[in-house]
Protein backbone atom coordinates (compact mmCIF):
# COMPACT_ATOMS: atom_id res chain seq x y z
CA MET A 1 49.68 -13.47 96.83
CA SER A 2 48.51 -9.90 97.24
CA LEU A 3 44.85 -10.78 97.68
CA TYR A 4 45.54 -12.95 100.71
CA ASN A 5 46.35 -11.22 104.00
CA ILE A 6 47.74 -13.86 106.32
CA GLU A 7 47.51 -11.60 109.38
CA GLU A 8 43.75 -11.24 108.92
CA SER A 9 43.46 -15.03 108.68
CA ILE A 10 45.10 -15.80 112.04
CA LEU A 11 42.65 -17.18 114.61
CA PHE A 12 45.14 -17.77 117.43
CA GLU A 13 48.87 -17.39 118.00
CA ASP A 14 51.27 -17.84 120.89
CA ASP A 15 54.92 -18.86 121.27
CA CYS A 16 54.13 -22.52 120.41
CA LEU A 17 51.66 -22.51 117.57
CA LEU A 18 49.63 -20.57 115.05
CA VAL A 19 46.06 -21.38 114.01
CA CYS A 20 44.71 -19.78 110.86
CA TYR A 21 42.14 -19.95 108.08
CA LYS A 22 43.26 -21.26 104.70
CA CYS A 23 41.21 -19.98 101.82
CA PRO A 24 40.41 -22.23 98.82
CA GLY A 25 42.95 -22.23 96.02
CA VAL A 26 46.02 -21.65 98.22
CA ALA A 27 48.41 -24.58 98.63
CA VAL A 28 49.75 -25.51 102.07
CA GLN A 29 53.16 -26.15 100.53
CA THR A 30 54.44 -25.91 96.96
CA ALA A 31 57.65 -26.67 95.12
CA LYS A 32 56.93 -24.06 92.45
CA VAL A 33 59.26 -21.08 92.47
CA GLY A 34 57.49 -17.75 92.94
CA VAL A 35 54.18 -19.29 94.02
CA MET A 36 53.18 -18.32 97.54
CA ASP A 37 51.73 -20.95 99.85
CA MET A 38 50.57 -21.05 103.46
CA GLU A 39 53.95 -22.14 104.79
CA SER A 40 55.81 -19.38 102.95
CA MET A 41 53.30 -16.67 103.86
CA ILE A 42 53.37 -17.59 107.55
CA LYS A 43 57.17 -17.72 107.58
CA ASN A 44 57.30 -14.27 105.96
CA TYR A 45 54.83 -12.96 108.53
CA LEU A 46 56.81 -14.41 111.47
CA SER A 47 60.12 -13.16 110.09
CA LYS A 48 58.76 -9.64 109.66
CA LYS A 49 57.17 -9.76 113.10
CA SER A 50 60.37 -10.85 114.85
CA GLY A 51 62.56 -8.34 113.02
CA LEU A 52 65.45 -10.79 113.13
CA GLY A 53 65.67 -11.16 109.38
CA LYS A 54 66.22 -14.93 109.45
CA PRO A 55 63.76 -17.69 108.54
CA PRO A 56 61.75 -18.72 111.61
CA TYR A 57 61.01 -22.31 112.58
CA LEU A 58 57.65 -23.49 111.29
CA ALA A 59 56.33 -27.03 110.96
CA VAL A 60 53.37 -28.15 108.87
CA VAL A 61 51.37 -30.44 111.17
CA HIS A 62 48.60 -31.45 108.76
CA ARG A 63 47.44 -30.54 105.29
CA LEU A 64 44.38 -29.52 103.33
CA ASP A 65 44.01 -30.05 99.61
CA GLN A 66 44.67 -26.85 97.67
CA PRO A 67 40.98 -26.34 96.66
CA VAL A 68 39.75 -26.86 100.24
CA GLU A 69 39.21 -24.07 102.77
CA GLY A 70 39.33 -24.30 106.54
CA VAL A 71 41.15 -24.23 109.87
CA MET A 72 44.80 -25.28 110.16
CA VAL A 73 47.40 -25.38 112.94
CA PHE A 74 51.14 -24.85 112.44
CA ALA A 75 53.85 -25.49 115.03
CA LYS A 76 56.35 -22.76 115.88
CA THR A 77 58.75 -24.94 117.91
CA PRO A 78 60.16 -28.47 117.46
CA HIS A 79 58.51 -29.56 120.73
CA ALA A 80 55.12 -28.31 119.59
CA ALA A 81 55.59 -30.08 116.26
CA ARG A 82 56.39 -33.39 117.94
CA GLU A 83 53.47 -33.13 120.35
CA LEU A 84 50.92 -32.09 117.74
CA ASN A 85 52.11 -34.82 115.37
CA ARG A 86 51.78 -37.35 118.20
CA GLN A 87 48.18 -36.25 118.77
CA LEU A 88 47.52 -36.50 115.03
CA THR A 89 48.93 -40.01 114.66
CA GLN A 90 47.19 -41.24 117.83
CA GLY A 91 43.81 -39.90 116.74
CA LYS A 92 43.65 -37.25 119.46
CA MET A 93 43.35 -34.33 117.05
CA GLY A 94 39.71 -33.92 116.10
CA LYS A 95 38.85 -32.73 112.59
CA GLU A 96 35.38 -32.09 111.24
CA TYR A 97 34.33 -30.89 107.82
CA LEU A 98 31.26 -29.40 106.19
CA ALA A 99 30.48 -30.33 102.61
CA VAL A 100 27.69 -29.78 100.10
CA THR A 101 26.93 -32.84 98.00
CA MET A 102 25.18 -33.24 94.67
CA GLY A 103 22.74 -35.94 95.68
CA ILE A 104 21.44 -36.83 99.13
CA PRO A 105 23.07 -39.68 101.08
CA PRO A 106 20.78 -42.70 101.57
CA GLU A 107 20.85 -42.43 105.38
CA LYS A 108 20.77 -39.35 107.61
CA THR A 109 23.83 -40.65 109.46
CA GLY A 110 26.30 -43.27 108.39
CA ILE A 111 29.83 -44.66 108.37
CA LEU A 112 31.73 -45.14 105.12
CA GLU A 113 34.57 -47.67 105.02
CA ASN A 114 36.49 -48.28 101.81
CA GLU A 115 39.85 -49.33 100.45
CA LEU A 116 41.42 -46.46 98.49
CA VAL A 117 44.21 -46.62 95.94
CA LYS A 118 46.11 -43.46 95.04
CA ASP A 119 47.18 -42.70 91.49
CA GLY A 120 50.03 -40.28 92.09
CA ARG A 121 50.67 -39.62 88.41
CA ASN A 122 47.15 -38.28 87.86
CA ASN A 123 46.67 -37.02 91.45
CA VAL A 124 43.47 -38.96 92.05
CA SER A 125 42.32 -41.78 94.31
CA ARG A 126 39.72 -44.44 93.69
CA VAL A 127 37.75 -46.99 95.68
CA VAL A 128 38.64 -50.64 95.13
CA SER A 129 36.39 -53.56 96.05
CA GLU A 130 38.93 -55.38 98.22
CA LYS A 131 42.20 -54.76 100.02
CA THR A 132 45.32 -54.80 97.88
CA SER A 133 49.01 -54.17 98.50
CA ASP A 134 48.54 -50.59 97.30
CA SER A 135 45.26 -49.78 99.06
CA LYS A 136 44.70 -47.93 102.33
CA HIS A 137 41.70 -48.32 104.60
CA ALA A 138 39.56 -45.18 104.80
CA VAL A 139 36.84 -44.46 107.37
CA LEU A 140 34.58 -41.46 107.87
CA GLU A 141 31.32 -40.71 109.63
CA TYR A 142 28.74 -38.34 108.21
CA GLU A 143 25.54 -36.60 109.26
CA VAL A 144 23.13 -34.89 106.89
CA MET A 145 22.38 -31.44 108.33
CA GLU A 146 20.10 -29.97 105.64
CA THR A 147 18.75 -30.85 102.21
CA LYS A 148 17.40 -28.74 99.37
CA GLU A 149 16.70 -29.38 95.70
CA GLY A 150 18.75 -32.55 95.52
CA LYS A 151 21.71 -31.15 97.46
CA ALA A 152 22.76 -31.88 101.03
CA LEU A 153 24.80 -30.04 103.65
CA VAL A 154 26.78 -32.80 105.35
CA ARG A 155 28.93 -32.80 108.49
CA ILE A 156 31.84 -35.21 108.15
CA MET A 157 34.11 -36.60 110.84
CA LEU A 158 37.31 -38.12 109.48
CA LYS A 159 38.61 -41.23 111.22
CA THR A 160 41.52 -41.66 108.81
CA GLY A 161 43.40 -39.18 106.67
CA ARG A 162 43.70 -40.46 103.11
CA HIS A 163 44.36 -38.69 99.83
CA HIS A 164 41.16 -36.93 98.68
CA GLN A 165 39.30 -39.18 101.12
CA ILE A 166 36.08 -37.19 101.58
CA ARG A 167 35.79 -36.35 97.90
CA VAL A 168 36.33 -39.96 96.80
CA GLN A 169 34.15 -41.67 99.40
CA MET A 170 31.20 -39.32 98.95
CA ALA A 171 31.40 -39.64 95.17
CA ASN A 172 31.46 -43.42 95.59
CA ILE A 173 27.97 -43.38 97.16
CA GLY A 174 26.62 -41.19 94.38
CA CYS A 175 27.00 -37.90 96.27
CA PRO A 176 30.02 -36.08 94.80
CA LEU A 177 30.85 -32.69 96.22
CA LEU A 178 29.40 -29.59 94.62
CA GLY A 179 32.06 -27.91 92.49
CA ASP A 180 34.46 -30.88 92.53
CA LYS A 181 35.59 -31.04 88.91
CA LYS A 182 37.97 -33.93 89.63
CA TYR A 183 35.35 -36.34 90.97
CA ASN A 184 32.18 -34.58 89.76
CA ALA A 185 33.09 -33.83 86.15
CA SER A 186 29.97 -35.41 84.63
CA LEU A 187 27.58 -33.09 86.48
CA ILE A 188 26.72 -29.77 84.87
CA GLU A 189 24.54 -28.31 87.63
CA ASP A 190 27.55 -27.04 89.59
CA LYS A 191 29.49 -25.48 86.68
CA GLY A 192 29.30 -22.04 88.25
CA THR A 193 31.35 -22.99 91.33
CA THR A 194 35.11 -22.56 91.41
CA PHE A 195 36.18 -24.98 94.15
CA PRO A 196 34.70 -28.07 95.82
CA ALA A 197 32.24 -27.15 98.58
CA LEU A 198 34.41 -28.59 101.34
CA CYS A 199 35.54 -26.82 104.50
CA ALA A 200 37.60 -27.99 107.46
CA SER A 201 35.19 -26.32 109.85
CA ARG A 202 36.33 -27.62 113.25
CA LEU A 203 39.75 -28.43 114.68
CA CYS A 204 40.43 -29.50 118.26
CA PHE A 205 43.60 -30.63 120.02
CA PHE A 206 45.49 -30.22 123.28
CA HIS A 207 47.93 -27.35 123.64
CA PRO A 208 51.44 -28.80 123.30
CA LYS A 209 52.79 -26.90 126.32
CA THR A 210 49.87 -26.50 128.74
CA GLY A 211 47.72 -29.49 127.79
CA LYS A 212 44.69 -27.21 127.65
CA PRO A 213 41.94 -28.32 125.22
CA MET A 214 41.84 -26.05 122.18
CA GLU A 215 38.91 -25.83 119.78
CA PHE A 216 38.44 -23.70 116.69
CA THR A 217 35.38 -23.54 114.47
CA MET A 218 34.45 -21.49 111.44
CA ILE A 219 31.58 -20.92 109.04
CA PRO A 220 32.47 -21.81 105.43
CA LYS A 221 33.03 -18.81 103.17
CA GLY A 222 32.71 -20.57 99.80
CA GLU A 223 29.79 -19.70 97.51
CA GLY A 224 28.81 -23.35 97.23
CA PHE A 225 27.64 -23.48 100.85
CA ILE A 226 24.54 -21.40 100.18
CA LEU A 227 21.81 -23.99 99.64
């Protein structure tokens, strides 16, 4: 992907891990031949940097949906991968998002809890009224930061990591994300946006080798974030 310079997107790098910005529209991983993704671009960068000519070790610790922008961390060693995955599964890796919604949430702050069912064939999820054998419990907290002309800038703290969780849960309360054609298709006011206005704006964890707290924040770059 010639328009995407991975070196300019790196926020931090050492011998254990690499933290970078993922722009909207780029997949974290892909099975399509000839299509560059974050994993491939970072591996190419590390291989070129080392000069060894062999594929370097790189582990995907967490994912962002292809249309979503934001901060990501990748592990460069098996130990770092194990430790970061442990933090992720134990809820010790903090992730916050910024989103712009079409519609203003009913409360300034709130907690959304739903049962979600994933439809893998159509790559969508939906809220169901009660727990089923296929559903997964989804929890997020939100805070309305700013409102203007029926739109809201919302800070979201994920407590679980479900498929399309933020997009589905916000749409379920009548506040679908600006630009989200998958869950916001009936709205015409956002037809000029390309991607959902959703950014993984804050990522914090403990360094897998030193234990030092690490925190990375960023301001969304998408056009939908200008209220």
